[in-house]
Protein backbone atom coordinates (compact mmCIF):
# COMPACT_ATOMS: atom_id res chain seq x y z
CA UNK A 1 24.80 -7.63 4.92
CA UNK A 2 24.86 -11.14 3.41
CA UNK A 3 21.05 -11.38 3.57
CA UNK A 4 20.77 -8.06 1.76
CA UNK A 5 22.89 -9.36 -1.14
CA UNK A 6 20.89 -12.58 -1.35
CA UNK A 7 17.62 -10.65 -1.47
CA UNK A 8 18.98 -8.33 -4.16
CA UNK A 9 19.87 -11.35 -6.31
CA UNK A 10 16.33 -12.77 -5.99
CA UNK A 11 14.50 -9.57 -7.01
CA UNK A 12 13.61 -9.47 -10.70
CA UNK A 13 15.33 -6.84 -12.80
CA UNK A 14 12.01 -5.29 -13.77
CA UNK A 15 10.83 -4.92 -10.13
CA UNK A 16 8.33 -2.05 -10.26
CA UNK A 17 7.30 0.40 -7.55
CA UNK A 18 4.35 2.53 -8.73
CA UNK A 19 5.74 5.93 -7.76
CA UNK A 20 8.86 8.04 -8.19
CA UNK A 21 11.32 7.51 -5.39
CA UNK A 22 14.18 9.63 -4.19
CA UNK A 23 16.64 6.77 -3.98
CA UNK A 24 18.84 5.08 -6.54
CA UNK A 25 19.01 1.85 -4.52
CA UNK A 26 15.71 -0.01 -5.04
CA UNK A 27 17.00 -2.92 -2.95
CA UNK A 28 16.79 -0.61 0.07
CA UNK A 29 13.01 -0.56 -0.54
CA UNK A 30 12.63 -4.32 -1.02
CA UNK A 31 9.26 -5.65 0.21
CA UNK A 32 11.24 -8.44 1.90
CA UNK A 33 13.65 -6.22 3.82
CA UNK A 34 12.07 -2.98 5.02
CA UNK A 35 8.60 -1.65 5.93
CA UNK A 36 6.79 -0.34 2.86
CA UNK A 37 5.67 2.96 4.35
CA UNK A 38 6.39 4.67 1.02
CA UNK A 39 3.34 2.82 -0.37
CA UNK A 40 0.96 3.73 2.47
CA UNK A 41 0.80 5.01 6.00
CA UNK A 42 1.21 2.65 8.98
CA UNK A 43 -2.49 3.20 9.71
CA UNK A 44 -3.44 1.70 6.35
CA UNK A 45 -1.30 -1.35 7.04
CA UNK A 46 -2.85 -1.76 10.49
CA UNK A 47 -6.37 -1.47 9.03
CA UNK A 48 -5.58 -4.13 6.43
CA UNK A 49 -4.12 -6.36 9.16
CA UNK A 50 -7.30 -5.94 11.21
CA UNK A 51 -9.43 -6.84 8.18
CA UNK A 52 -7.35 -9.95 7.49
CA UNK A 53 -7.64 -10.95 11.15
CA UNK A 54 -11.42 -10.62 10.84
CA UNK A 55 -11.38 -12.84 7.76
CA UNK A 56 -9.41 -15.51 9.64
CA UNK A 57 -11.62 -15.34 12.73
CA UNK A 58 -14.81 -15.63 10.67
CA UNK A 59 -13.55 -17.83 7.84
CA UNK A 60 -12.11 -20.74 9.80
CA UNK A 61 -15.18 -21.59 11.91
CA UNK A 62 -17.72 -21.01 9.12
CA UNK A 63 -15.88 -23.20 6.62
CA UNK A 64 -14.91 -25.84 9.18
CA UNK A 65 -18.53 -26.05 10.35
CA UNK A 66 -19.68 -26.58 6.77
CA UNK A 67 -17.30 -29.51 6.34
CA UNK A 68 -18.05 -31.04 9.76
CA UNK A 69 -21.83 -30.79 9.44
CA UNK A 70 -21.82 -32.33 5.97
CA UNK A 71 -19.64 -35.19 7.20
CA UNK A 72 -21.71 -35.75 10.35
CA UNK A 73 -25.27 -35.59 8.95
CA UNK A 74 -26.12 -37.96 6.09
CA UNK A 75 -29.12 -35.83 5.08
CA UNK A 76 -26.73 -33.08 3.99
CA UNK A 77 -24.85 -35.32 1.56
CA UNK A 78 -26.25 -34.14 -1.73
CA UNK A 79 -24.56 -33.10 -4.95
CA UNK A 80 -25.14 -29.43 -4.24
CA UNK A 81 -23.74 -29.71 -0.72
CA UNK A 82 -20.63 -31.46 -2.02
CA UNK A 83 -20.03 -28.38 -4.16
CA UNK A 84 -20.37 -26.25 -1.00
CA UNK A 85 -17.96 -28.56 0.86
CA UNK A 86 -15.48 -28.23 -2.00
CA UNK A 87 -15.71 -24.44 -1.72
CA UNK A 88 -15.36 -24.63 2.07
CA UNK A 89 -12.19 -26.74 1.82
CA UNK A 90 -10.73 -24.35 -0.77
CA UNK A 91 -11.60 -21.38 1.44
CA UNK A 92 -9.99 -23.07 4.45
CA UNK A 93 -6.79 -23.39 2.42
CA UNK A 94 -6.93 -19.72 1.49
CA UNK A 95 -7.74 -18.58 5.03
CA UNK A 96 -5.17 -20.79 6.76
CA UNK A 97 -2.30 -19.98 4.40
CA UNK A 98 -3.15 -16.79 2.53
CA UNK A 99 -5.07 -14.69 5.02
CA UNK A 100 -2.89 -15.55 8.01
CA UNK A 101 0.25 -14.76 6.02
CA UNK A 102 -1.29 -11.50 4.80
CA UNK A 103 -2.31 -10.61 8.36
CA UNK A 104 1.24 -11.13 9.59
CA UNK A 105 2.76 -9.25 6.64
CA UNK A 106 0.39 -6.29 7.00
CA UNK A 107 1.10 -6.11 10.73
CA UNK A 108 4.85 -5.99 9.97
CA UNK A 109 4.29 -3.55 7.06
CA UNK A 110 6.43 -5.74 4.79
CA UNK A 111 6.74 -9.40 3.79
CA UNK A 112 9.27 -10.42 6.44
CA UNK A 113 8.92 -14.14 5.67
CA UNK A 114 11.06 -13.85 2.54
CA UNK A 115 10.67 -14.51 -1.19
CA UNK A 116 10.17 -18.27 -0.87
CA UNK A 117 7.28 -17.88 1.57
CA UNK A 118 5.82 -15.23 -0.75
CA UNK A 119 5.85 -17.72 -3.63
CA UNK A 120 4.35 -20.49 -1.48
CA UNK A 121 1.62 -18.18 -0.17
CA UNK A 122 0.79 -16.97 -3.67
CA UNK A 123 0.62 -20.52 -5.00
CA UNK A 124 -1.61 -21.85 -2.22
CA UNK A 125 -3.92 -18.83 -2.32
CA UNK A 126 -4.27 -19.25 -6.08
CA UNK A 127 -4.76 -23.01 -5.75
CA UNK A 128 -7.55 -22.52 -3.20
CA UNK A 129 -9.17 -19.66 -5.06
CA UNK A 130 -10.30 -16.41 -3.48
CA UNK A 131 -13.09 -15.74 -1.04
CA UNK A 132 -14.25 -16.21 2.50
C-alpha cells in the first residue's frame, strides 16, 4: 500500500495512456506497478522480449570484438577505425544498459524496476545513442 502511494506521487499529472480506459484510477495502470496488457497482448510483450534478447546476444560480442581487435592489432588503428570503436563503445553502453533493461521489462510486461531505474536507463540509452 505504501509503495502504491509513493508511485502515485512520482507519476506526472499529465501521464497519458493512448486509449480510453474503463477505470477512474490511472495509478492502478501505472507502468511501474502492473502488467500493461491493456496496451498489447502478452504475446507482443514476449516477442519484443525475444527481439531484445537477440540484440543483446548479437550486440555484445560484435561490439566487444571491434574494440578488442582494434586494441590488439596496431594495423587497425586508423582515424576511421577509431570512429568505429567510438560507435562500438556507445553501442555496448546501449546494449548493456538499455537493451537488457528493456528485455527484462518486456518479459515482465511492465517496468518493475521503478521510476528511478527508468530514468537511469533512458539517460544511458540516450547518452550511448541508438543502434546495434
